[in-house]
Every structure is written in structure tokens, then in C-alpha cells.
Amino acid sequence: MTAPEGRGIAETAFTGNTFRILHVSTGNVCRSPITERLNRHALTVRLGERLTGGLIVESAGTWGHEGAAMEANAEAVLADFGADASGFVGRELLDEHVIRADLVLTATRDHRAQVISMGHSAGLRTFTLKEFTRLVRAIDPATLPDPLDEGVVERARALVRAAAALRGWLLAPTAEADEVYDPYGAPITFFRSIGEEIHQALDPVVTALTGVPARPPLL
């Protein structure tokens, strides 16, 4: 499976039937690359490469370092989880990225506000990562399309609609609860704590998207 230009999970036979997930942070060298590659890794582990062809996972930054490499500590975090950091190239967030995205997951509420301010009817499909996790946990998976019968793309679209409908009813306990803080310039220990935070937030999202729970760790 070859990701286009070091990004997305594969645009092969599913080109006309895809679901694009966009992860957004500030510089696109720490948080959003970690989230992009952890998400891609988890989807492939759950579904296998053959079944992830309709899902495209990418990232960008509101002040993105266009063409920049991922931070070395971010690469180390991905290696901890067995995720692939190769081929990553930083991007500045552009209108076209928001227009094409079916789901935008941001690191913070400020990022979410910036994406929504760009227009393109982004409000109903833009969430902070932790906000989306909280909403997804409240959705009965039995109400979503079966990924085997209707496909993972239809399931993903239904999941976003259901989460958007719940947004005003299921609020965060605190404003900080929806934030993933920036580890830029911090030691590897802080990067690893952020990586674990992102991993924990992604797990229920990937389960909801795929209908496949994470495998329990080997004892």
C-alpha cells in the first residue's frame, strides 16, 4: 500500500467513494503528525490494508511549516507505538484541505475555531479530537451502518452526522478537557505523555469508525 505523497491511507479503487480525515494543529510538526500516523496505523491494524482504501488520513497546521520534517521527538513517539513516520512533509492549512475533508479533528478549541472561520460549511464536521471522542462514546454503534454490509465510508459519514447532532447536548466538564497541549520544544518525556493522550483519544474513534475493537495487549 503506497500512501499518496506520504499521506492518506490509499486512494486506489475507492477514489469515488472516500472519507477524508484531516488532523489540524499549529505547526504540523508535532501533534497533528502524531495523530495522523497513529490514526492511520490503528485503522490498518484493525481493518488490514485492503479494507482501508476508502479512508484517507492527513494533516496540516494553521501556521504549518510547509515542507518541514516531523519533529524528531514526534518520530520517536510514533516508533513507540509501531507507527510509520516515514515520508511525512509538513503542510500549511489551506482552504482546499478543509473543502475536501469529511471530518476535521483539531488539537485545540482555537484550531477548531480557525477551521470553522474559513467557511466551507465546516462547522458540522469539525471537532477537537477529544470532543469527538467524547461524542463518539455516547453513540450506540448499533445505530451505525455495518461496515461489512455498507462499507466503512458510509459508517464514517453516519458517525460524523451523529456526533454533530449530539454536540450541544454533551458538553465537556471543563474547557481544558478538549485540549491537546503543544509539546513543541519539550523533552521526550512530555512528547510521550502527549502521544499516549492522543492514542487514548483515538482508540474509541477508530473503534467507532471500523466497528472493530482494539486487540487486548498480550500478557
C-alpha atoms as a PDB file:
ATOM      1  CA  MET A   1       0.000   0.000   0.000  1.00  0.00           C
ATOM      2  CA  THR A   2       1.541   3.281  -1.099  1.00  0.00           C
ATOM      3  CA  ALA A   3       0.224   6.450   0.512  1.00  0.00           C
ATOM      4  CA  PRO A   4      -0.055   9.386  -1.906  1.00  0.00           C
ATOM      5  CA  GLU A   5       2.812  11.804  -1.290  1.00  0.00           C
ATOM      6  CA  GLY A   6       3.462  10.287   2.130  1.00  0.00           C
ATOM      7  CA  ARG A   7      -0.118  10.911   3.208  1.00  0.00           C
ATOM      8  CA  GLY A   8      -3.520   9.256   3.422  1.00  0.00           C
ATOM      9  CA  ILE A   9      -4.328   5.605   3.677  1.00  0.00           C
ATOM     10  CA  ALA A  10      -4.578   4.926  -0.072  1.00  0.00           C
ATOM     11  CA  GLU A  11      -6.585   6.366  -2.875  1.00  0.00           C
ATOM     12  CA  THR A  12      -6.954   3.313  -5.051  1.00  0.00           C
ATOM     13  CA  ALA A  13     -10.177   1.816  -6.330  1.00  0.00           C
ATOM     14  CA  PHE A  14     -12.173   3.870  -3.811  1.00  0.00           C
ATOM     15  CA  THR A  15     -11.416   7.268  -5.355  1.00  0.00           C
ATOM     16  CA  GLY A  16     -15.113   7.977  -5.963  1.00  0.00           C
ATOM     17  CA  ASN A  17     -16.117   6.702  -2.536  1.00  0.00           C
ATOM     18  CA  THR A  18     -13.717   8.070   0.042  1.00  0.00           C
ATOM     19  CA  PHE A  19     -13.806   9.565   3.506  1.00  0.00           C
ATOM     20  CA  ARG A  20     -11.066  12.064   4.295  1.00  0.00           C
ATOM     21  CA  ILE A  21      -9.958  12.750   7.874  1.00  0.00           C
ATOM     22  CA  LEU A  22      -7.897  15.896   8.437  1.00  0.00           C
ATOM     23  CA  HIS A  23      -5.928  16.397  11.661  1.00  0.00           C
ATOM     24  CA  VAL A  24      -5.029  20.008  12.457  1.00  0.00           C
ATOM     25  CA  SER A  25      -2.586  21.566  14.903  1.00  0.00           C
ATOM     26  CA  THR A  26      -0.370  24.657  14.748  1.00  0.00           C
ATOM     27  CA  GLY A  27       2.942  23.845  13.075  1.00  0.00           C
ATOM     28  CA  ASN A  28       2.098  20.409  11.630  1.00  0.00           C
ATOM     29  CA  VAL A  29       5.342  19.040  13.016  1.00  0.00           C
ATOM     30  CA  CYS A  30       4.261  17.581  16.405  1.00  0.00           C
ATOM     31  CA  ARG A  31       0.648  16.949  17.400  1.00  0.00           C
ATOM     32  CA  SER A  32      -1.090  16.580  14.046  1.00  0.00           C
ATOM     33  CA  PRO A  33       1.626  14.341  12.527  1.00  0.00           C
ATOM     34  CA  ILE A  34       1.486  12.103  15.601  1.00  0.00           C
ATOM     35  CA  THR A  35      -2.314  11.950  15.365  1.00  0.00           C
ATOM     36  CA  GLU A  36      -2.299  11.361  11.606  1.00  0.00           C
ATOM     37  CA  ARG A  37       0.151   8.493  11.735  1.00  0.00           C
ATOM     38  CA  LEU A  38      -1.321   6.884  14.884  1.00  0.00           C
ATOM     39  CA  ASN A  39      -4.763   7.028  13.274  1.00  0.00           C
ATOM     40  CA  ARG A  40      -3.504   5.534  10.031  1.00  0.00           C
ATOM     41  CA  HIS A  41      -1.651   2.804  11.921  1.00  0.00           C
ATOM     42  CA  ALA A  42      -4.677   1.923  14.054  1.00  0.00           C
ATOM     43  CA  LEU A  43      -7.007   1.753  11.043  1.00  0.00           C
ATOM     44  CA  THR A  44      -4.639  -0.572   9.219  1.00  0.00           C
ATOM     45  CA  VAL A  45      -4.218  -2.805  12.275  1.00  0.00           C
ATOM     46  CA  ARG A  46      -7.998  -3.077  12.714  1.00  0.00           C
ATOM     47  CA  LEU A  47      -9.033  -3.495   9.083  1.00  0.00           C
ATOM     48  CA  GLY A  48      -5.942  -4.534   7.174  1.00  0.00           C
ATOM     49  CA  GLU A  49      -4.594  -2.586   4.227  1.00  0.00           C
ATOM     50  CA  ARG A  50      -7.122  -3.983   1.738  1.00  0.00           C
ATOM     51  CA  LEU A  51     -10.143  -2.640   3.625  1.00  0.00           C
ATOM     52  CA  THR A  52      -8.835   0.838   4.451  1.00  0.00           C
ATOM     53  CA  GLY A  53      -8.741   2.036   0.853  1.00  0.00           C
ATOM     54  CA  GLY A  54     -11.713   4.363   1.259  1.00  0.00           C
ATOM     55  CA  LEU A  55     -10.201   6.170   4.250  1.00  0.00           C
ATOM     56  CA  ILE A  56      -7.698   8.968   3.725  1.00  0.00           C
ATOM     57  CA  VAL A  57      -5.878  10.329   6.769  1.00  0.00           C
ATOM     58  CA  GLU A  58      -3.829  13.510   6.502  1.00  0.00           C
ATOM     59  CA  SER A  59      -2.845  16.606   8.487  1.00  0.00           C
ATOM     60  CA  ALA A  60      -1.994  20.298   8.240  1.00  0.00           C
ATOM     61  CA  GLY A  61      -1.151  23.224  10.510  1.00  0.00           C
ATOM     62  CA  THR A  62      -2.807  26.608  10.962  1.00  0.00           C
ATOM     63  CA  TRP A  63       0.732  28.027  10.950  1.00  0.00           C
ATOM     64  CA  GLY A  64       2.135  24.982   9.233  1.00  0.00           C
ATOM     65  CA  HIS A  65       5.809  24.693   8.385  1.00  0.00           C
ATOM     66  CA  GLU A  66       5.326  23.945   4.702  1.00  0.00           C
ATOM     67  CA  GLY A  67       7.703  21.196   3.591  1.00  0.00           C
ATOM     68  CA  ALA A  68       9.130  20.665   7.089  1.00  0.00           C
ATOM     69  CA  ALA A  69      10.057  17.325   8.558  1.00  0.00           C
ATOM     70  CA  MET A  70       8.331  15.961  11.615  1.00  0.00           C
ATOM     71  CA  GLU A  71       9.983  16.765  14.948  1.00  0.00           C
ATOM     72  CA  ALA A  72      12.448  14.064  15.995  1.00  0.00           C
ATOM     73  CA  ASN A  73      10.647  13.526  19.302  1.00  0.00           C
ATOM     74  CA  ALA A  74       7.377  13.052  17.427  1.00  0.00           C
ATOM     75  CA  GLU A  75       9.042  10.367  15.306  1.00  0.00           C
ATOM     76  CA  ALA A  76      10.255   8.684  18.484  1.00  0.00           C
ATOM     77  CA  VAL A  77       6.726   8.653  19.881  1.00  0.00           C
ATOM     78  CA  LEU A  78       5.398   7.027  16.723  1.00  0.00           C
ATOM     79  CA  ALA A  79       8.120   4.395  16.921  1.00  0.00           C
ATOM     80  CA  ASP A  80       6.950   3.586  20.462  1.00  0.00           C
ATOM     81  CA  PHE A  81       3.563   2.641  19.023  1.00  0.00           C
ATOM     82  CA  GLY A  82       4.939   0.841  15.974  1.00  0.00           C
ATOM     83  CA  ALA A  83       3.585   3.540  13.638  1.00  0.00           C
ATOM     84  CA  ASP A  84       5.359   4.687  10.478  1.00  0.00           C
ATOM     85  CA  ALA A  85       6.775   8.229  10.417  1.00  0.00           C
ATOM     86  CA  SER A  86       8.431   7.950   7.012  1.00  0.00           C
ATOM     87  CA  GLY A  87       7.643  10.270   4.125  1.00  0.00           C
ATOM     88  CA  PHE A  88       5.983  12.936   6.230  1.00  0.00           C
ATOM     89  CA  VAL A  89       6.012  16.507   4.877  1.00  0.00           C
ATOM     90  CA  GLY A  90       4.531  19.420   6.830  1.00  0.00           C
ATOM     91  CA  ARG A  91       1.744  21.493   5.282  1.00  0.00           C
ATOM     92  CA  GLU A  92       0.111  24.832   5.926  1.00  0.00           C
ATOM     93  CA  LEU A  93      -3.670  24.544   6.231  1.00  0.00           C
ATOM     94  CA  LEU A  94      -5.367  25.722   3.045  1.00  0.00           C
ATOM     95  CA  ASP A  95      -8.974  26.171   2.001  1.00  0.00           C
ATOM     96  CA  GLU A  96      -8.729  23.134  -0.270  1.00  0.00           C
ATOM     97  CA  HIS A  97      -7.835  20.906   2.685  1.00  0.00           C
ATOM     98  CA  VAL A  98     -10.965  21.957   4.568  1.00  0.00           C
ATOM     99  CA  ILE A  99     -13.168  21.710   1.474  1.00  0.00           C
ATOM    100  CA  ARG A 100     -12.085  18.130   0.801  1.00  0.00           C
ATOM    101  CA  ALA A 101     -12.267  16.922   4.407  1.00  0.00           C
ATOM    102  CA  ASP A 102     -15.224  14.866   5.605  1.00  0.00           C
ATOM    103  CA  LEU A 103     -14.034  15.115   9.211  1.00  0.00           C
ATOM    104  CA  VAL A 104     -11.640  17.657  10.734  1.00  0.00           C
ATOM    105  CA  LEU A 105     -10.154  16.825  14.136  1.00  0.00           C
ATOM    106  CA  THR A 106      -8.141  19.581  15.781  1.00  0.00           C
ATOM    107  CA  ALA A 107      -5.746  19.631  18.714  1.00  0.00           C
ATOM    108  CA  THR A 108      -7.426  22.580  20.463  1.00  0.00           C
ATOM    109  CA  ARG A 109     -10.551  24.703  20.505  1.00  0.00           C
ATOM    110  CA  ASP A 110      -8.607  27.575  18.913  1.00  0.00           C
ATOM    111  CA  HIS A 111      -7.691  25.361  15.973  1.00  0.00           C
ATOM    112  CA  ARG A 112     -11.311  24.310  15.672  1.00  0.00           C
ATOM    113  CA  ALA A 113     -12.414  27.955  15.602  1.00  0.00           C
ATOM    114  CA  GLN A 114      -9.839  28.772  12.927  1.00  0.00           C
ATOM    115  CA  VAL A 115     -11.005  25.926  10.702  1.00  0.00           C
ATOM    116  CA  ILE A 116     -14.646  26.907  11.084  1.00  0.00           C
ATOM    117  CA  SER A 117     -13.810  30.562  10.382  1.00  0.00           C
ATOM    118  CA  MET A 118     -12.507  29.506   6.978  1.00  0.00           C
ATOM    119  CA  GLY A 119     -16.080  28.719   5.979  1.00  0.00           C
ATOM    120  CA  HIS A 120     -16.855  25.913   3.535  1.00  0.00           C
ATOM    121  CA  SER A 121     -19.676  24.668   5.801  1.00  0.00           C
ATOM    122  CA  ALA A 122     -17.019  23.182   8.075  1.00  0.00           C
ATOM    123  CA  GLY A 123     -18.882  23.648  11.355  1.00  0.00           C
ATOM    124  CA  LEU A 124     -20.777  20.352  11.357  1.00  0.00           C
ATOM    125  CA  ARG A 125     -17.687  18.276  10.541  1.00  0.00           C
ATOM    126  CA  THR A 126     -15.041  19.996  12.665  1.00  0.00           C
ATOM    127  CA  PHE A 127     -14.351  18.953  16.258  1.00  0.00           C
ATOM    128  CA  THR A 128     -11.432  18.878  18.613  1.00  0.00           C
ATOM    129  CA  LEU A 129     -10.081  15.340  18.844  1.00  0.00           C
ATOM    130  CA  LYS A 130     -11.120  14.944  22.463  1.00  0.00           C
ATOM    131  CA  GLU A 131     -14.526  16.476  21.810  1.00  0.00           C
ATOM    132  CA  PHE A 132     -15.141  13.962  19.039  1.00  0.00           C
ATOM    133  CA  THR A 133     -14.000  11.136  21.314  1.00  0.00           C
ATOM    134  CA  ARG A 134     -16.468  12.208  23.989  1.00  0.00           C
ATOM    135  CA  LEU A 135     -19.335  12.364  21.494  1.00  0.00           C
ATOM    136  CA  VAL A 136     -18.433   9.054  19.866  1.00  0.00           C
ATOM    137  CA  ARG A 137     -18.516   7.292  23.233  1.00  0.00           C
ATOM    138  CA  ALA A 138     -22.167   8.312  23.571  1.00  0.00           C
ATOM    139  CA  ILE A 139     -23.228   6.902  20.181  1.00  0.00           C
ATOM    140  CA  ASP A 140     -24.763   3.428  20.102  1.00  0.00           C
ATOM    141  CA  PRO A 141     -22.707   1.532  17.490  1.00  0.00           C
ATOM    142  CA  ALA A 142     -25.805  -0.478  16.610  1.00  0.00           C
ATOM    143  CA  THR A 143     -27.278   2.697  15.070  1.00  0.00           C
ATOM    144  CA  LEU A 144     -24.390   2.976  12.599  1.00  0.00           C
ATOM    145  CA  PRO A 145     -24.162   1.203   9.226  1.00  0.00           C
ATOM    146  CA  ASP A 146     -22.494  -2.183   9.318  1.00  0.00           C
ATOM    147  CA  PRO A 147     -19.023  -1.697   7.812  1.00  0.00           C
ATOM    148  CA  LEU A 148     -19.146  -5.143   6.206  1.00  0.00           C
ATOM    149  CA  ASP A 149     -22.542  -4.607   4.560  1.00  0.00           C
ATOM    150  CA  GLU A 150     -22.485  -0.901   3.695  1.00  0.00           C
ATOM    151  CA  GLY A 151     -18.785  -0.131   3.924  1.00  0.00           C
ATOM    152  CA  VAL A 152     -16.579   1.784   6.317  1.00  0.00           C
ATOM    153  CA  VAL A 153     -17.059   5.041   4.363  1.00  0.00           C
ATOM    154  CA  GLU A 154     -20.830   5.056   4.920  1.00  0.00           C
ATOM    155  CA  ARG A 155     -20.281   4.185   8.553  1.00  0.00           C
ATOM    156  CA  ALA A 156     -17.830   7.090   8.932  1.00  0.00           C
ATOM    157  CA  ARG A 157     -20.257   9.551   7.360  1.00  0.00           C
ATOM    158  CA  ALA A 158     -23.053   8.408   9.671  1.00  0.00           C
ATOM    159  CA  LEU A 159     -20.734   8.719  12.674  1.00  0.00           C
ATOM    160  CA  VAL A 160     -19.966  12.367  11.898  1.00  0.00           C
ATOM    161  CA  ARG A 161     -23.667  13.184  11.492  1.00  0.00           C
ATOM    162  CA  ALA A 162     -24.482  11.514  14.817  1.00  0.00           C
ATOM    163  CA  ALA A 163     -21.658  13.308  16.623  1.00  0.00           C
ATOM    164  CA  ALA A 164     -22.727  16.685  15.225  1.00  0.00           C
ATOM    165  CA  ALA A 165     -26.275  16.072  16.462  1.00  0.00           C
ATOM    166  CA  LEU A 166     -25.001  15.384  19.985  1.00  0.00           C
ATOM    167  CA  ARG A 167     -22.626  18.329  20.245  1.00  0.00           C
ATOM    168  CA  GLY A 168     -24.976  20.724  22.057  1.00  0.00           C
ATOM    169  CA  TRP A 169     -26.169  18.047  24.467  1.00  0.00           C
ATOM    170  CA  LEU A 170     -22.921  16.550  25.690  1.00  0.00           C
ATOM    171  CA  LEU A 171     -20.591  19.298  26.901  1.00  0.00           C
ATOM    172  CA  ALA A 172     -17.043  18.983  28.208  1.00  0.00           C
ATOM    173  CA  PRO A 173     -16.693  19.025  32.016  1.00  0.00           C
ATOM    174  CA  THR A 174     -14.060  21.776  31.666  1.00  0.00           C
ATOM    175  CA  ALA A 175     -12.742  23.830  28.765  1.00  0.00           C
ATOM    176  CA  GLU A 176      -9.327  22.185  29.158  1.00  0.00           C
ATOM    177  CA  ALA A 177     -10.847  18.737  28.713  1.00  0.00           C
ATOM    178  CA  ASP A 178     -10.949  19.231  24.939  1.00  0.00           C
ATOM    179  CA  GLU A 179      -7.335  20.388  24.584  1.00  0.00           C
ATOM    180  CA  VAL A 180      -4.198  18.543  23.497  1.00  0.00           C
ATOM    181  CA  TYR A 181      -1.301  20.743  24.574  1.00  0.00           C
ATOM    182  CA  ASP A 182       1.651  21.555  22.353  1.00  0.00           C
ATOM    183  CA  PRO A 183       4.853  19.600  23.151  1.00  0.00           C
ATOM    184  CA  TYR A 184       6.997  21.635  20.742  1.00  0.00           C
ATOM    185  CA  GLY A 185      10.418  22.198  22.315  1.00  0.00           C
ATOM    186  CA  ALA A 186       9.619  19.940  25.279  1.00  0.00           C
ATOM    187  CA  PRO A 187      11.656  16.891  26.353  1.00  0.00           C
ATOM    188  CA  ILE A 188      10.829  13.431  25.058  1.00  0.00           C
ATOM    189  CA  THR A 189       9.011  12.540  28.291  1.00  0.00           C
ATOM    190  CA  PHE A 190       6.391  15.216  27.612  1.00  0.00           C
ATOM    191  CA  PHE A 191       6.118  14.158  23.979  1.00  0.00           C
ATOM    192  CA  ARG A 192       5.452  10.603  25.140  1.00  0.00           C
ATOM    193  CA  SER A 193       2.720  11.769  27.524  1.00  0.00           C
ATOM    194  CA  ILE A 194       1.073  13.687  24.662  1.00  0.00           C
ATOM    195  CA  GLY A 195       1.444  10.661  22.401  1.00  0.00           C
ATOM    196  CA  GLU A 196      -0.309   8.473  24.955  1.00  0.00           C
ATOM    197  CA  GLU A 197      -3.032  11.107  25.363  1.00  0.00           C
ATOM    198  CA  ILE A 198      -3.616  11.147  21.601  1.00  0.00           C
ATOM    199  CA  HIS A 199      -3.539   7.351  21.430  1.00  0.00           C
ATOM    200  CA  GLN A 200      -6.180   7.076  24.163  1.00  0.00           C
ATOM    201  CA  ALA A 201      -8.391   9.646  22.433  1.00  0.00           C
ATOM    202  CA  LEU A 202      -8.090   7.924  19.061  1.00  0.00           C
ATOM    203  CA  ASP A 203      -8.903   4.414  20.265  1.00  0.00           C
ATOM    204  CA  PRO A 204     -12.706   4.827  20.629  1.00  0.00           C
ATOM    205  CA  VAL A 205     -12.806   6.878  17.416  1.00  0.00           C
ATOM    206  CA  VAL A 206     -11.123   4.129  15.411  1.00  0.00           C
ATOM    207  CA  THR A 207     -13.371   1.520  17.032  1.00  0.00           C
ATOM    208  CA  ALA A 208     -16.456   3.529  16.065  1.00  0.00           C
ATOM    209  CA  LEU A 209     -15.194   4.097  12.516  1.00  0.00           C
ATOM    210  CA  THR A 210     -14.335   0.478  11.852  1.00  0.00           C
ATOM    211  CA  GLY A 211     -16.621  -1.494  14.137  1.00  0.00           C
ATOM    212  CA  VAL A 212     -13.514  -3.410  15.251  1.00  0.00           C
ATOM    213  CA  PRO A 213     -12.296  -3.019  18.850  1.00  0.00           C
ATOM    214  CA  ALA A 214      -8.613  -2.844  19.713  1.00  0.00           C
ATOM    215  CA  ARG A 215      -6.933  -6.112  20.424  1.00  0.00           C
ATOM    216  CA  PRO A 216      -6.126  -6.586  24.118  1.00  0.00           C
ATOM    217  CA  PRO A 217      -2.406  -6.448  24.916  1.00  0.00           C
ATOM    218  CA  LEU A 218      -0.588  -9.760  25.187  1.00  0.00           C
ATOM    219  CA  LEU A 219       0.172 -10.745  28.777  1.00  0.00           C
END
